[in-house]
């Protein structure tokens, strides 16, 4: 092994780390997009998010449907 070679277990760690990071970033992006779609259901007349609307179960269902 020369000075420039990276040990196999270290290379595997970085490869797995990269795969996990991509998976987590993709998951976060998908969840954020779904949540943002759901927010459209609970906006008031001014376009501001009104979480109190979620107290209504019908609105909760619409919120979930929009997220799906």
C-alpha atoms as a PDB file:
ATOM      1  CA  UNK A   1       0.000   0.000   0.000  1.00  0.00           C
ATOM      2  CA  UNK A   2       1.417   3.379  -0.993  1.00  0.00           C
ATOM      3  CA  UNK A   3       0.771   6.688   0.725  1.00  0.00           C
ATOM      4  CA  UNK A   4      -1.862   7.658  -1.855  1.00  0.00           C
ATOM      5  CA  UNK A   5      -3.987   4.511  -1.546  1.00  0.00           C
ATOM      6  CA  UNK A   6      -7.007   4.654   0.732  1.00  0.00           C
ATOM      7  CA  UNK A   7      -7.693   1.515   2.791  1.00  0.00           C
ATOM      8  CA  UNK A   8     -10.606  -0.558   1.518  1.00  0.00           C
ATOM      9  CA  UNK A   9     -12.735  -0.124   4.636  1.00  0.00           C
ATOM     10  CA  UNK A  10     -12.340   3.665   4.488  1.00  0.00           C
ATOM     11  CA  UNK A  11     -13.335   3.755   0.816  1.00  0.00           C
ATOM     12  CA  UNK A  12     -16.394   1.591   1.594  1.00  0.00           C
ATOM     13  CA  UNK A  13     -17.340   3.953   4.412  1.00  0.00           C
ATOM     14  CA  UNK A  14     -17.241   6.991   2.115  1.00  0.00           C
ATOM     15  CA  UNK A  15     -19.150   5.163  -0.629  1.00  0.00           C
ATOM     16  CA  UNK A  16     -21.891   4.168   1.808  1.00  0.00           C
ATOM     17  CA  UNK A  17     -21.938   7.627   3.326  1.00  0.00           C
ATOM     18  CA  UNK A  18     -22.544   9.114  -0.118  1.00  0.00           C
ATOM     19  CA  UNK A  19     -25.395   6.665  -0.836  1.00  0.00           C
ATOM     20  CA  UNK A  20     -27.039   7.412   2.514  1.00  0.00           C
ATOM     21  CA  UNK A  21     -26.692  11.175   2.009  1.00  0.00           C
ATOM     22  CA  UNK A  22     -28.357  10.943  -1.420  1.00  0.00           C
ATOM     23  CA  UNK A  23     -31.158   8.826  -0.006  1.00  0.00           C
ATOM     24  CA  UNK A  24     -31.760  11.234   2.873  1.00  0.00           C
ATOM     25  CA  UNK A  25     -31.662  14.277   0.591  1.00  0.00           C
ATOM     26  CA  UNK A  26     -34.136  12.646  -1.801  1.00  0.00           C
ATOM     27  CA  UNK A  27     -36.446  11.687   1.054  1.00  0.00           C
ATOM     28  CA  UNK A  28     -36.340  15.200   2.478  1.00  0.00           C
ATOM     29  CA  UNK A  29     -37.124  16.715  -0.924  1.00  0.00           C
ATOM     30  CA  UNK A  30     -40.095  14.371  -1.447  1.00  0.00           C
ATOM     31  CA  UNK A  31     -41.498  15.074   2.017  1.00  0.00           C
ATOM     32  CA  UNK A  32     -41.062  18.820   1.614  1.00  0.00           C
ATOM     33  CA  UNK A  33     -42.846  18.779  -1.746  1.00  0.00           C
ATOM     34  CA  UNK A  34     -45.754  16.781  -0.296  1.00  0.00           C
ATOM     35  CA  UNK A  35     -46.020  19.070   2.733  1.00  0.00           C
ATOM     36  CA  UNK A  36     -46.007  22.176   0.537  1.00  0.00           C
ATOM     37  CA  UNK A  37     -48.851  20.725  -1.531  1.00  0.00           C
ATOM     38  CA  UNK A  38     -50.816  20.086   1.648  1.00  0.00           C
ATOM     39  CA  UNK A  39     -50.314  23.654   2.816  1.00  0.00           C
ATOM     40  CA  UNK A  40     -52.432  24.870  -0.100  1.00  0.00           C
ATOM     41  CA  UNK A  41     -55.471  23.386   1.662  1.00  0.00           C
ATOM     42  CA  UNK A  42     -55.004  25.348   4.880  1.00  0.00           C
ATOM     43  CA  UNK A  43     -54.197  28.798   3.505  1.00  0.00           C
ATOM     44  CA  UNK A  44     -56.570  31.608   4.392  1.00  0.00           C
ATOM     45  CA  UNK A  45     -57.968  34.304   2.075  1.00  0.00           C
ATOM     46  CA  UNK A  46     -54.721  36.270   2.333  1.00  0.00           C
ATOM     47  CA  UNK A  47     -52.658  33.256   1.283  1.00  0.00           C
ATOM     48  CA  UNK A  48     -51.195  32.766   4.735  1.00  0.00           C
ATOM     49  CA  UNK A  49     -50.999  29.338   6.365  1.00  0.00           C
ATOM     50  CA  UNK A  50     -53.684  28.866   9.027  1.00  0.00           C
ATOM     51  CA  UNK A  51     -52.941  25.759  11.105  1.00  0.00           C
ATOM     52  CA  UNK A  52     -56.169  26.214  13.057  1.00  0.00           C
ATOM     53  CA  UNK A  53     -57.997  24.915   9.993  1.00  0.00           C
ATOM     54  CA  UNK A  54     -56.480  21.516  10.774  1.00  0.00           C
ATOM     55  CA  UNK A  55     -58.773  21.226  13.782  1.00  0.00           C
ATOM     56  CA  UNK A  56     -61.519  20.275  11.286  1.00  0.00           C
ATOM     57  CA  UNK A  57     -61.266  16.572  10.401  1.00  0.00           C
ATOM     58  CA  UNK A  58     -62.562  17.220   6.872  1.00  0.00           C
ATOM     59  CA  UNK A  59     -59.697  19.667   6.313  1.00  0.00           C
ATOM     60  CA  UNK A  60     -57.265  17.114   7.770  1.00  0.00           C
ATOM     61  CA  UNK A  61     -58.471  14.586   5.207  1.00  0.00           C
ATOM     62  CA  UNK A  62     -58.105  17.101   2.368  1.00  0.00           C
ATOM     63  CA  UNK A  63     -54.623  17.987   3.619  1.00  0.00           C
ATOM     64  CA  UNK A  64     -53.579  14.318   3.588  1.00  0.00           C
ATOM     65  CA  UNK A  65     -55.167  13.687   0.192  1.00  0.00           C
ATOM     66  CA  UNK A  66     -53.313  16.658  -1.281  1.00  0.00           C
ATOM     67  CA  UNK A  67     -50.030  15.365   0.152  1.00  0.00           C
ATOM     68  CA  UNK A  68     -50.499  11.973  -1.445  1.00  0.00           C
END
